[in-house]
Amino acid sequence: MAVYLESQAKLPALQFHDEAATLGAVHATNALLTIRNNDCASFTHNLTLAENTKILNTTYHAPHTVNITSGQQNIYNSHGFCEVDATVPYGRNSTLHFSVYLPDALPYNGRFMAVGNGGMAGVLDKTALMQQLNSGFASAAGDAGHLASLNNDGSGAPDTYIPYLHNPEEVQAWIHDAIALFVPSSKDLIEAYYNKTAAYSYYSGCSTGGAQGFALAQYHPELFDGIIAGCPGNWYSHLALSFLWNAQHAVENTSAYLPQTALNFTGQAVLEACDGQDGVKDGVIENPLECNFSIDSLACNATQISRNNNTITCLTPDQIAVAKAIYDGPRNPETGEQIYPGFAHGSEIQWILQEGSLSHDFSVPILQSLVYGNLSYNASTFDWTSDVSDVDTNAGAFIDAVSTNLTAFRDRGGKLLVYQGWADPFNAQTWPIQHYEDVQSFFDDDISDFYNVFMIPGGGHCGAASFYPQVPATYHTVPALMDWVERGEKPEEVLTTNPTNGETRSRKLCAWPKAAIYVQGNTDDWKSYVCE
């Protein structure tokens, strides 16, 4: 039941999340037993693949012989599998590297799962590959068309030459086309190995991978039956501007800065004010949009000092102003037009990332390399009235995927499942909601038959938020998407399990705009809640 970067739980080959319904005749035991995989070492001989793909090597791995380190966990391959490493040339002189993991025929569930990238990419996400392999998928991942080792180790930095950001074809590939480049050959390899095409094709990605998911629905709607796009940075250019906006308002070593102690103080005050709105006091805000907290309530009065014995007791006027700017998000100072949404209540404790490092890693490199082509450009001179159009023209056209016209994806029967953490410290939490509503306005109709958003109370960026360890951090989105695609059962709710603190707790995510409300029973059991 794994999703990209979030779960190592296994998806039973013959079961859905209700652990009762079969996957249909094509996935019945007898049907799967008719599939035989060919020899890993030789099946690619004389095989002509799409896009001039070049096979670098094929390697068979016996069960429990490959170890992927993910944080403090070691993930081993549950199944034997054939690893195919290959390259796809594109553009004038660029290359995408990708790998396909082909499980043995018996554990193979008959489906294909491609996974996306994070950040500035440049590497294959082998953790996600292994998770999907262990769930029975033939899985594939690529490096997004450039190597991190040749691009500042995959990290952005001011005044630093990052080659791929100066190559228009590699910029175009990064988010818009990278997944599409390796999918045709991956499907060919699956068919050649099992002598049968995959019954269904899925994609799962988060953050940059979420943006790649929207790009697939927009630019390559024919490739996938179902797409999971988590915490999507699909308005990437304006996401970078939000980092810049927040960093410009919260300047370290000034009176406007919010140190971690002030953020902890603010976050706790918000939680105390708004926890319990779902009927349970559990240290989590179910729907921050219904939280009527005013930051002004934390302002120091005439007799208070903001710090007493190293404890924050109130916020100064400058700190209040910074918090309001982060809540509100970047705006054109002349027209008041919002450039990107602001941050929600309940996310305050990790705003420290917004106060400098994200602008350093993303905003400044994008402005210097993509927008102005000048590594000496001073981002502090960015004019919020006039310069946003430069970003839209020189960056957004190549890295954004925000079209509201998803007609082709809808008409081919595609399903798009989006999830977003309410405590995400990177992406403004309401952006996926805003984009969903924009798409709905385009169609002027209910779009939930092909597109749904699930908001995660206490959820972070592509998984757990460190300051909400009690929140279930495994999102069972894959079986929900499979039910939707393969059985036509639209997901109204999604199961979440496995908090990072080790407690036994499950919760219910609801299709937006509904939220989970406690009814009766064990508060740690998702069945005790209803979506309203």
Protein backbone atom coordinates (compact mmCIF):
# COMPACT_ATOMS: atom_id res chain seq x y z
CA MET A 1 0.00 0.00 0.00
CA ALA A 2 2.95 2.23 -0.53
CA VAL A 3 2.90 5.73 -1.88
CA TYR A 4 5.90 7.65 -3.07
CA LEU A 5 8.29 8.42 -0.20
CA GLU A 6 5.75 7.58 2.45
CA SER A 7 5.09 3.91 2.98
CA GLN A 8 6.80 0.58 3.00
CA ALA A 9 3.55 -1.32 3.52
CA LYS A 10 2.87 -4.17 1.12
CA LEU A 11 -0.07 -4.19 -1.25
CA PRO A 12 -1.46 -7.74 -1.48
CA ALA A 13 -1.50 -8.80 -5.11
CA LEU A 14 -5.06 -10.07 -4.91
CA GLN A 15 -6.68 -7.67 -2.45
CA PHE A 16 -7.87 -4.10 -2.09
CA HIS A 17 -7.80 -2.07 1.11
CA ASP A 18 -10.99 -3.77 2.29
CA GLU A 19 -9.00 -7.04 2.18
CA ALA A 20 -11.93 -8.83 0.62
CA ALA A 21 -12.64 -7.80 -2.96
CA THR A 22 -10.64 -9.45 -5.72
CA LEU A 23 -9.01 -7.46 -8.48
CA GLY A 24 -11.07 -9.04 -11.21
CA ALA A 25 -10.48 -11.88 -13.62
CA VAL A 26 -7.30 -10.47 -15.09
CA HIS A 27 -5.71 -10.57 -11.64
CA ALA A 28 -7.18 -13.80 -10.35
CA THR A 29 -4.69 -16.38 -9.12
CA ASN A 30 -5.08 -18.68 -12.11
CA ALA A 31 -4.64 -15.83 -14.56
CA LEU A 32 -1.47 -14.64 -12.86
CA LEU A 33 -0.03 -18.12 -12.83
CA THR A 34 -0.20 -18.18 -16.63
CA ILE A 35 2.37 -15.36 -16.72
CA ARG A 36 5.97 -16.50 -17.01
CA ASN A 37 8.91 -14.16 -16.93
CA ASN A 38 11.73 -14.66 -19.39
CA ASP A 39 15.42 -14.91 -18.53
CA CYS A 40 16.68 -11.62 -17.14
CA ALA A 41 20.10 -11.87 -18.72
CA SER A 42 18.89 -12.45 -22.26
CA PHE A 43 15.36 -11.15 -22.76
CA THR A 44 16.54 -7.77 -24.05
CA HIS A 45 18.72 -9.28 -26.76
CA ASN A 46 17.53 -8.15 -30.18
CA LEU A 47 14.80 -6.08 -28.51
CA THR A 48 14.11 -2.76 -30.21
CA LEU A 49 12.83 -0.17 -27.75
CA ALA A 50 11.12 3.17 -28.19
CA GLU A 51 12.93 6.51 -28.29
CA ASN A 52 16.30 4.94 -29.23
CA THR A 53 16.60 3.54 -25.73
CA LYS A 54 19.94 1.92 -24.95
CA ILE A 55 20.14 -0.95 -22.47
CA LEU A 56 23.16 -0.53 -20.20
CA ASN A 57 22.80 -3.74 -18.21
CA THR A 58 20.35 -6.29 -16.84
CA THR A 59 20.82 -7.87 -13.42
CA TYR A 60 18.79 -10.47 -11.57
CA HIS A 61 18.47 -10.03 -7.81
CA ALA A 62 17.30 -12.87 -5.58
CA PRO A 63 14.84 -12.02 -2.79
CA HIS A 64 16.23 -10.09 0.19
CA THR A 65 19.57 -9.30 -1.46
CA VAL A 66 19.16 -5.60 -2.29
CA ASN A 67 19.11 -3.08 0.55
CA ILE A 68 17.92 0.51 0.15
CA THR A 69 18.52 2.85 3.08
CA SER A 70 15.66 5.26 3.70
CA GLY A 71 16.19 7.46 6.73
CA GLN A 72 16.73 5.06 9.60
CA GLN A 73 15.11 2.16 7.78
CA ASN A 74 16.60 -0.51 5.57
CA ILE A 75 14.27 -1.68 2.82
CA TYR A 76 15.03 -5.05 1.25
CA ASN A 77 13.48 -6.49 -1.88
CA SER A 78 10.73 -8.88 -0.84
CA HIS A 79 10.73 -10.47 -4.28
CA GLY A 80 13.30 -11.59 -6.77
CA PHE A 81 13.47 -9.14 -9.64
CA CYS A 82 15.16 -8.27 -12.89
CA GLU A 83 16.73 -4.81 -12.89
CA VAL A 84 17.11 -3.15 -16.27
CA ASP A 85 19.23 0.01 -16.43
CA ALA A 86 18.96 2.09 -19.57
CA THR A 87 19.26 5.52 -21.14
CA VAL A 88 17.10 7.58 -23.47
CA PRO A 89 18.68 10.30 -25.62
CA TYR A 90 16.70 13.49 -26.14
CA GLY A 91 17.21 16.97 -27.49
CA ARG A 92 20.48 17.81 -29.14
CA ASN A 93 22.86 16.19 -26.67
CA SER A 94 21.03 15.20 -23.49
CA THR A 95 20.41 11.84 -21.84
CA LEU A 96 17.90 10.50 -19.34
CA HIS A 97 18.89 7.53 -17.19
CA PHE A 98 16.20 5.18 -15.92
CA SER A 99 15.73 1.79 -14.30
CA VAL A 100 12.92 -0.74 -14.44
CA TYR A 101 12.38 -3.30 -11.67
CA LEU A 102 10.56 -6.39 -12.92
CA PRO A 103 9.39 -8.72 -10.12
CA ASP A 104 9.23 -12.47 -10.56
CA ALA A 105 6.04 -13.62 -12.23
CA LEU A 106 4.37 -15.01 -9.10
CA PRO A 107 4.44 -11.80 -7.00
CA TYR A 108 3.89 -9.57 -10.04
CA ASN A 109 0.45 -7.95 -9.79
CA GLY A 110 0.06 -7.32 -13.51
CA ARG A 111 0.47 -3.55 -13.30
CA PHE A 112 3.04 -0.86 -14.07
CA MET A 113 3.96 1.92 -11.63
CA ALA A 114 6.23 4.82 -12.55
CA VAL A 115 7.56 7.05 -9.78
CA GLY A 116 8.73 10.65 -9.88
CA ASN A 117 11.51 12.84 -8.57
CA GLY A 118 12.04 15.23 -5.69
CA GLY A 119 13.56 18.70 -5.61
CA MET A 120 15.90 19.42 -8.49
CA ALA A 121 16.06 15.70 -9.29
CA GLY A 122 19.15 14.28 -11.02
CA VAL A 123 18.90 10.87 -9.33
CA LEU A 124 16.57 7.89 -9.44
CA ASP A 125 14.33 7.47 -6.41
CA LYS A 126 15.32 3.91 -5.59
CA THR A 127 13.39 3.98 -2.33
CA ALA A 128 10.15 4.50 -4.22
CA LEU A 129 11.19 1.91 -6.80
CA MET A 130 11.76 -0.68 -4.08
CA GLN A 131 8.52 0.15 -2.28
CA GLN A 132 6.50 -0.34 -5.45
CA LEU A 133 8.40 -3.53 -6.34
CA ASN A 134 7.58 -4.92 -2.90
CA SER A 135 3.92 -4.16 -3.58
CA GLY A 136 4.07 -6.31 -6.72
CA PHE A 137 4.35 -3.61 -9.38
CA ALA A 138 6.71 -3.58 -12.31
CA SER A 139 8.17 -0.21 -11.40
CA ALA A 140 10.30 2.40 -13.15
CA ALA A 141 12.05 5.65 -12.28
CA GLY A 142 14.31 8.14 -14.06
CA ASP A 143 16.70 10.96 -13.19
CA ALA A 144 14.58 13.66 -14.92
CA GLY A 145 17.06 14.05 -17.75
CA HIS A 146 20.14 15.35 -15.95
CA LEU A 147 22.66 14.08 -13.41
CA ALA A 148 22.83 15.52 -9.91
CA SER A 149 26.56 14.78 -9.90
CA LEU A 150 27.01 17.34 -12.68
CA ASN A 151 24.60 19.86 -11.16
CA ASN A 152 25.86 20.88 -7.72
CA ASP A 153 24.88 17.44 -6.34
CA GLY A 154 21.23 18.16 -7.03
CA SER A 155 21.05 21.26 -4.84
CA GLY A 156 20.46 24.86 -5.77
CA ALA A 157 22.62 27.68 -4.44
CA PRO A 158 23.00 31.40 -5.16
CA ASP A 159 25.71 32.55 -7.57
CA THR A 160 26.34 28.94 -8.62
CA TYR A 161 26.40 27.62 -12.17
CA ILE A 162 23.97 24.71 -12.41
CA PRO A 163 24.28 23.37 -15.97
CA TYR A 164 20.81 21.94 -16.51
CA LEU A 165 19.17 25.25 -15.61
CA HIS A 166 21.05 26.77 -18.56
CA ASN A 167 19.95 24.06 -21.01
CA PRO A 168 16.38 24.74 -22.25
CA GLU A 169 15.85 21.12 -23.28
CA GLU A 170 16.86 19.81 -19.85
CA VAL A 171 14.71 22.41 -18.11
CA GLN A 172 11.77 21.33 -20.27
CA ALA A 173 12.43 17.68 -19.45
CA TRP A 174 12.81 18.19 -15.68
CA ILE A 175 9.09 18.53 -14.90
CA HIS A 176 7.16 18.48 -18.17
CA ASP A 177 8.61 15.54 -20.07
CA ALA A 178 10.99 13.46 -17.93
CA ILE A 179 8.52 10.73 -16.97
CA ALA A 180 7.09 10.52 -20.48
CA LEU A 181 10.56 9.94 -21.90
CA PHE A 182 11.06 6.58 -20.18
CA VAL A 183 7.49 5.26 -20.03
CA PRO A 184 7.20 3.83 -23.59
CA SER A 185 10.41 1.80 -23.22
CA SER A 186 9.41 0.69 -19.73
CA LYS A 187 6.13 -0.66 -21.07
CA ASP A 188 7.99 -2.42 -23.89
CA LEU A 189 10.32 -4.05 -21.37
CA ILE A 190 7.38 -5.23 -19.27
CA GLU A 191 5.71 -6.80 -22.28
CA ALA A 192 8.93 -8.47 -23.38
CA TYR A 193 9.68 -9.88 -19.92
CA TYR A 194 6.22 -11.28 -19.17
CA ASN A 195 5.00 -11.82 -22.76
CA LYS A 196 2.04 -9.66 -21.83
CA THR A 197 1.34 -5.95 -21.49
CA ALA A 198 0.61 -4.50 -18.07
CA ALA A 199 -3.12 -4.44 -17.40
CA TYR A 200 -2.98 -0.93 -15.90
CA SER A 201 -0.44 1.87 -15.72
CA TYR A 202 -0.06 4.13 -12.69
CA TYR A 203 2.14 7.02 -11.62
CA SER A 204 2.98 8.24 -8.12
CA GLY A 205 5.06 11.28 -7.21
CA CYS A 206 5.31 13.94 -4.54
CA SER A 207 6.61 17.53 -4.43
CA THR A 208 8.48 17.90 -7.74
CA GLY A 209 7.06 14.45 -8.45
CA GLY A 210 3.59 15.86 -7.80
CA ALA A 211 4.31 18.56 -10.36
CA GLN A 212 5.42 15.86 -12.79
CA GLY A 213 2.09 14.13 -12.15
CA PHE A 214 0.16 17.22 -13.21
CA ALA A 215 2.43 17.57 -16.24
CA LEU A 216 1.53 14.02 -17.23
CA ALA A 217 -2.19 14.77 -17.00
CA GLN A 218 -1.73 18.01 -18.95
CA TYR A 219 0.88 17.16 -21.58
CA HIS A 220 0.86 13.34 -21.76
CA PRO A 221 -2.70 12.29 -20.87
CA GLU A 222 -2.51 9.03 -22.80
CA LEU A 223 0.22 7.40 -20.69
CA PHE A 224 -1.43 6.57 -17.37
CA ASP A 225 -4.75 5.23 -16.14
CA GLY A 226 -4.25 6.76 -12.72
CA ILE A 227 -1.98 9.44 -11.24
CA ILE A 228 -1.15 10.22 -7.61
CA ALA A 229 0.23 13.75 -7.17
CA GLY A 230 1.29 14.53 -3.62
CA CYS A 231 2.04 18.02 -2.23
CA PRO A 232 2.30 19.19 -5.83
CA GLY A 233 4.64 22.00 -6.81
CA ASN A 234 2.97 22.27 -10.19
CA TRP A 235 3.00 26.08 -10.05
CA TYR A 236 6.72 25.75 -9.49
CA SER A 237 7.71 29.25 -10.55
CA HIS A 238 5.29 30.89 -8.12
CA LEU A 239 6.12 28.38 -5.39
CA ALA A 240 9.69 29.65 -5.68
CA LEU A 241 8.38 33.21 -5.43
CA SER A 242 6.57 32.33 -2.21
CA PHE A 243 9.89 31.18 -0.74
CA LEU A 244 11.42 34.52 -1.72
CA TRP A 245 8.51 36.52 -0.30
CA ASN A 246 8.70 34.82 3.07
CA ALA A 247 12.48 35.13 3.29
CA GLN A 248 12.32 38.83 2.44
CA HIS A 249 9.84 39.45 5.25
CA ALA A 250 11.58 37.34 7.90
CA VAL A 251 15.18 38.54 7.84
CA GLU A 252 17.55 36.87 10.28
CA ASN A 253 19.21 39.09 12.88
CA THR A 254 16.48 41.72 12.57
CA SER A 255 13.48 42.53 14.74
CA ALA A 256 11.21 40.92 12.14
CA TYR A 257 12.75 37.46 12.40
CA LEU A 258 10.77 34.61 13.96
CA PRO A 259 13.26 32.31 15.72
CA GLN A 260 12.30 28.71 16.41
CA THR A 261 11.23 29.59 19.95
CA ALA A 262 8.76 32.15 18.60
CA LEU A 263 7.47 29.67 16.03
CA ASN A 264 6.96 27.03 18.72
CA PHE A 265 5.10 29.57 20.85
CA THR A 266 2.88 30.59 17.94
CA GLY A 267 2.18 27.06 16.78
CA GLN A 268 1.20 25.93 20.26
CA ALA A 269 -1.14 28.89 20.70
CA VAL A 270 -2.86 28.12 17.39
CA LEU A 271 -3.21 24.46 18.31
CA GLU A 272 -4.74 25.25 21.69
CA ALA A 273 -7.24 27.55 20.01
CA CYS A 274 -8.35 25.23 17.21
CA ASP A 275 -7.78 21.63 18.30
CA GLY A 276 -11.03 19.83 19.00
CA GLN A 277 -13.05 21.25 16.12
CA ASP A 278 -13.53 17.71 14.82
CA GLY A 279 -14.83 16.54 18.19
CA VAL A 280 -11.49 15.16 19.43
CA LYS A 281 -8.68 16.88 21.33
CA ASP A 282 -5.76 15.07 19.73
CA GLY A 283 -3.15 17.73 19.11
CA VAL A 284 -4.14 18.17 15.44
CA ILE A 285 -6.25 20.72 13.58
CA GLU A 286 -8.64 18.88 11.27
CA ASN A 287 -9.45 21.80 8.96
CA PRO A 288 -7.32 24.93 9.44
CA LEU A 289 -9.67 26.97 7.24
CA GLU A 290 -12.20 26.75 10.07
CA CYS A 291 -9.65 27.91 12.64
CA ASN A 292 -10.64 31.43 13.70
CA PHE A 293 -7.34 32.27 15.35
CA SER A 294 -6.00 35.83 15.26
CA ILE A 295 -2.24 36.32 15.43
CA ASP A 296 -2.91 39.70 17.03
CA SER A 297 -3.93 37.86 20.19
CA LEU A 298 -0.24 37.07 20.73
CA ALA A 299 0.94 40.67 20.51
CA CYS A 300 2.93 42.07 23.42
CA ASN A 301 1.11 44.74 25.38
CA ALA A 302 2.73 47.86 26.81
CA THR A 303 3.95 46.08 29.95
CA GLN A 304 5.17 42.83 28.36
CA ILE A 305 8.52 41.81 26.97
CA SER A 306 8.64 39.18 24.25
CA ARG A 307 11.17 37.00 26.05
CA ASN A 308 11.25 36.23 29.76
CA ASN A 309 13.88 33.82 31.13
CA ASN A 310 14.49 32.49 27.61
CA THR A 311 10.77 31.81 27.18
CA ILE A 312 8.73 33.56 24.50
CA THR A 313 5.67 35.16 26.07
CA CYS A 314 4.37 37.32 23.20
CA LEU A 315 5.25 38.57 19.72
CA THR A 316 6.58 42.01 18.83
CA PRO A 317 4.79 44.21 16.27
CA ASP A 318 7.44 43.36 13.65
CA GLN A 319 7.02 39.63 14.29
CA ILE A 320 3.25 39.95 14.06
CA ALA A 321 3.68 41.67 10.68
CA VAL A 322 5.93 38.86 9.42
CA ALA A 323 3.47 36.19 10.51
CA LYS A 324 0.65 38.00 8.72
CA ALA A 325 2.75 38.19 5.53
CA ILE A 326 3.41 34.44 5.63
CA TYR A 327 -0.25 33.64 6.34
CA ASP A 328 -1.35 35.90 3.48
CA GLY A 329 1.23 34.91 0.86
CA PRO A 330 2.88 37.05 -1.83
CA ARG A 331 0.81 39.80 -3.41
CA ASN A 332 1.25 42.53 -5.99
CA PRO A 333 1.64 45.61 -3.76
CA GLU A 334 -0.22 47.85 -6.22
CA THR A 335 -3.18 45.69 -7.20
CA GLY A 336 -3.39 43.36 -4.21
CA GLU A 337 -3.53 40.38 -6.58
CA GLN A 338 -2.35 37.19 -4.92
CA ILE A 339 0.76 35.70 -6.52
CA TYR A 340 0.66 32.43 -4.54
CA PRO A 341 -1.40 31.31 -1.53
CA GLY A 342 -0.15 31.81 2.00
CA PHE A 343 0.32 29.31 4.81
CA ALA A 344 -2.41 27.77 6.95
CA HIS A 345 -2.85 27.73 10.70
CA GLY A 346 -1.10 24.76 12.25
CA SER A 347 1.99 24.92 10.03
CA GLU A 348 3.87 27.60 12.00
CA ILE A 349 6.40 25.44 13.83
CA GLN A 350 8.37 24.62 10.66
CA TRP A 351 8.26 28.10 9.11
CA ILE A 352 11.98 28.32 9.82
CA LEU A 353 12.49 26.78 6.36
CA GLN A 354 10.50 29.61 4.82
CA GLU A 355 12.70 32.18 6.52
CA GLY A 356 15.73 31.63 4.33
CA SER A 357 16.88 28.16 3.28
CA LEU A 358 14.18 27.49 0.67
CA SER A 359 14.76 30.84 -1.00
CA HIS A 360 18.50 30.13 -0.97
CA ASP A 361 18.05 26.66 -2.51
CA PHE A 362 15.30 27.35 -5.05
CA SER A 363 14.21 30.96 -5.52
CA VAL A 364 17.57 32.58 -6.09
CA PRO A 365 18.94 29.88 -8.45
CA ILE A 366 15.74 29.98 -10.54
CA LEU A 367 15.82 33.77 -10.77
CA GLN A 368 19.52 33.89 -11.58
CA SER A 369 19.64 30.99 -14.03
CA LEU A 370 16.19 30.71 -15.62
CA VAL A 371 14.63 34.14 -15.35
CA TYR A 372 17.50 36.59 -15.79
CA GLY A 373 20.45 34.47 -16.96
CA ASN A 374 22.74 36.36 -14.62
CA LEU A 375 24.50 34.66 -11.71
CA SER A 376 25.16 38.07 -10.20
CA TYR A 377 21.48 38.99 -10.07
CA ASN A 378 20.52 40.28 -6.61
CA ALA A 379 17.20 38.70 -5.61
CA SER A 380 16.59 41.41 -3.02
CA THR A 381 15.88 43.79 -5.93
CA PHE A 382 12.96 41.69 -7.19
CA ASP A 383 10.04 44.03 -7.91
CA TRP A 384 6.78 42.40 -6.84
CA THR A 385 4.81 44.82 -9.01
CA SER A 386 6.59 44.38 -12.34
CA ASP A 387 8.91 41.35 -12.25
CA VAL A 388 6.42 38.50 -11.83
CA SER A 389 5.76 38.61 -15.58
CA ASP A 390 9.47 37.90 -16.17
CA VAL A 391 9.14 34.79 -14.04
CA ASP A 392 6.03 33.64 -15.91
CA THR A 393 7.68 34.09 -19.32
CA ASN A 394 11.18 32.81 -18.66
CA ALA A 395 10.52 30.11 -16.06
CA GLY A 396 6.83 29.32 -15.76
CA ALA A 397 6.43 28.41 -19.42
CA PHE A 398 8.98 25.62 -18.95
CA ILE A 399 8.41 24.31 -15.42
CA ASP A 400 4.74 24.95 -14.54
CA ALA A 401 1.83 22.56 -15.17
CA VAL A 402 -1.24 24.55 -14.19
CA SER A 403 -3.61 24.23 -17.12
CA THR A 404 -7.23 23.90 -16.04
CA ASN A 405 -8.08 22.12 -19.28
CA LEU A 406 -7.60 18.46 -18.42
CA THR A 407 -10.20 17.35 -20.93
CA ALA A 408 -7.96 14.85 -22.72
CA PHE A 409 -7.01 13.12 -19.47
CA ARG A 410 -10.63 13.02 -18.31
CA ASP A 411 -11.92 11.76 -21.65
CA ARG A 412 -9.45 8.86 -21.80
CA GLY A 413 -10.77 7.74 -18.40
CA GLY A 414 -7.79 8.93 -16.37
CA LYS A 415 -8.08 9.43 -12.61
CA LEU A 416 -6.11 12.04 -10.64
CA LEU A 417 -5.74 11.67 -6.87
CA VAL A 418 -4.04 14.58 -5.11
CA TYR A 419 -3.00 14.71 -1.47
CA GLN A 420 -1.62 17.62 0.55
CA GLY A 421 -0.48 17.92 4.17
CA TRP A 422 -2.05 20.73 6.17
CA ALA A 423 1.28 21.15 8.01
CA ASP A 424 3.50 21.07 4.91
CA PRO A 425 6.46 23.43 5.56
CA PHE A 426 7.25 23.78 1.83
CA ASN A 427 4.08 24.15 -0.20
CA ALA A 428 1.28 26.55 0.70
CA GLN A 429 -1.37 24.13 1.86
CA THR A 430 -4.33 25.65 0.05
CA TRP A 431 -2.68 25.67 -3.39
CA PRO A 432 -4.02 22.21 -4.38
CA ILE A 433 -7.49 23.31 -3.25
CA GLN A 434 -7.27 26.52 -5.26
CA HIS A 435 -6.13 24.68 -8.38
CA TYR A 436 -8.86 22.06 -7.96
CA GLU A 437 -11.46 24.81 -7.79
CA ASP A 438 -9.95 26.49 -10.86
CA VAL A 439 -10.22 23.24 -12.82
CA GLN A 440 -13.79 22.80 -11.63
CA SER A 441 -14.60 26.32 -12.82
CA PHE A 442 -13.17 25.48 -16.24
CA PHE A 443 -15.44 22.45 -16.59
CA ASP A 444 -18.33 24.28 -14.94
CA ASP A 445 -19.34 20.95 -13.46
CA ASP A 446 -18.48 18.45 -10.76
CA ILE A 447 -15.05 16.99 -11.56
CA SER A 448 -14.85 14.44 -8.75
CA ASP A 449 -15.47 11.62 -11.22
CA PHE A 450 -11.84 12.01 -12.37
CA TYR A 451 -10.08 14.39 -9.97
CA ASN A 452 -10.11 14.47 -6.15
CA VAL A 453 -8.06 16.20 -3.45
CA PHE A 454 -7.40 14.76 0.00
CA MET A 455 -6.12 17.10 2.71
CA ILE A 456 -4.10 15.53 5.55
CA PRO A 457 -4.55 17.03 9.03
CA GLY A 458 -1.11 17.27 10.62
CA GLY A 459 0.50 15.92 7.46
CA GLY A 460 3.86 17.29 6.37
CA HIS A 461 5.62 17.43 3.02
CA CYS A 462 5.32 14.02 1.38
CA GLY A 463 4.88 12.33 4.74
CA ALA A 464 5.06 12.99 8.44
CA ALA A 465 5.52 16.42 9.97
CA SER A 466 8.16 16.16 12.69
CA PHE A 467 6.07 18.16 15.15
CA TYR A 468 3.01 15.92 14.67
CA PRO A 469 4.53 12.46 15.36
CA GLN A 470 1.15 11.11 16.51
CA VAL A 471 -0.39 11.60 13.06
CA PRO A 472 -0.66 8.50 10.84
CA ALA A 473 2.00 8.88 8.14
CA THR A 474 1.23 6.01 5.76
CA TYR A 475 -1.34 7.09 3.18
CA HIS A 476 -3.15 4.22 1.48
CA THR A 477 -3.72 6.14 -1.72
CA VAL A 478 -2.57 3.42 -4.12
CA PRO A 479 -5.35 0.90 -3.33
CA ALA A 480 -7.86 3.76 -3.35
CA LEU A 481 -6.68 4.77 -6.82
CA MET A 482 -6.78 1.17 -8.02
CA ASP A 483 -10.37 0.78 -6.82
CA TRP A 484 -11.23 3.95 -8.72
CA VAL A 485 -9.50 3.01 -11.96
CA GLU A 486 -10.26 -0.70 -12.06
CA ARG A 487 -13.69 -0.90 -10.42
CA GLY A 488 -15.07 2.59 -10.92
CA GLU A 489 -15.36 3.15 -7.16
CA LYS A 490 -14.72 6.86 -6.60
CA PRO A 491 -12.73 7.37 -3.40
CA GLU A 492 -14.71 9.27 -0.79
CA GLU A 493 -12.19 8.46 1.94
CA VAL A 494 -8.62 7.18 2.28
CA LEU A 495 -7.16 5.17 5.15
CA THR A 496 -4.02 6.42 6.92
CA THR A 497 -1.98 4.39 9.43
CA ASN A 498 1.39 4.12 11.19
CA PRO A 499 2.31 7.30 13.09
CA THR A 500 6.06 7.86 13.31
CA ASN A 501 5.94 7.67 17.12
CA GLY A 502 5.06 3.97 16.86
CA GLU A 503 1.54 4.25 18.24
CA THR A 504 -1.32 2.21 16.79
CA ARG A 505 -3.64 4.72 15.19
CA SER A 506 -5.61 5.03 11.96
CA ARG A 507 -7.40 8.05 10.60
CA LYS A 508 -9.65 8.92 7.70
CA LEU A 509 -8.87 11.38 4.92
CA CYS A 510 -11.90 12.81 3.15
CA ALA A 511 -12.34 13.97 -0.42
CA TRP A 512 -12.33 17.77 -0.37
CA PRO A 513 -14.32 19.74 0.72
CA LYS A 514 -15.38 17.21 3.34
CA ALA A 515 -13.48 16.66 6.60
CA ALA A 516 -13.45 13.81 9.12
CA ILE A 517 -15.77 14.30 12.11
CA TYR A 518 -15.72 12.04 15.16
CA VAL A 519 -18.98 10.15 15.75
CA GLN A 520 -18.38 7.49 18.38
CA GLY A 521 -16.03 4.70 19.38
CA ASN A 522 -12.26 4.48 19.65
CA THR A 523 -10.78 7.84 18.67
CA ASP A 524 -7.72 6.03 17.28
CA ASP A 525 -9.81 4.01 14.81
CA TRP A 526 -10.62 5.55 11.43
CA LYS A 527 -14.03 3.86 11.48
CA SER A 528 -15.05 6.17 14.34
CA TYR A 529 -15.15 9.14 11.96
CA VAL A 530 -17.40 10.16 9.09
CA CYS A 531 -16.71 12.53 6.22
CA GLU A 532 -18.94 15.60 6.36
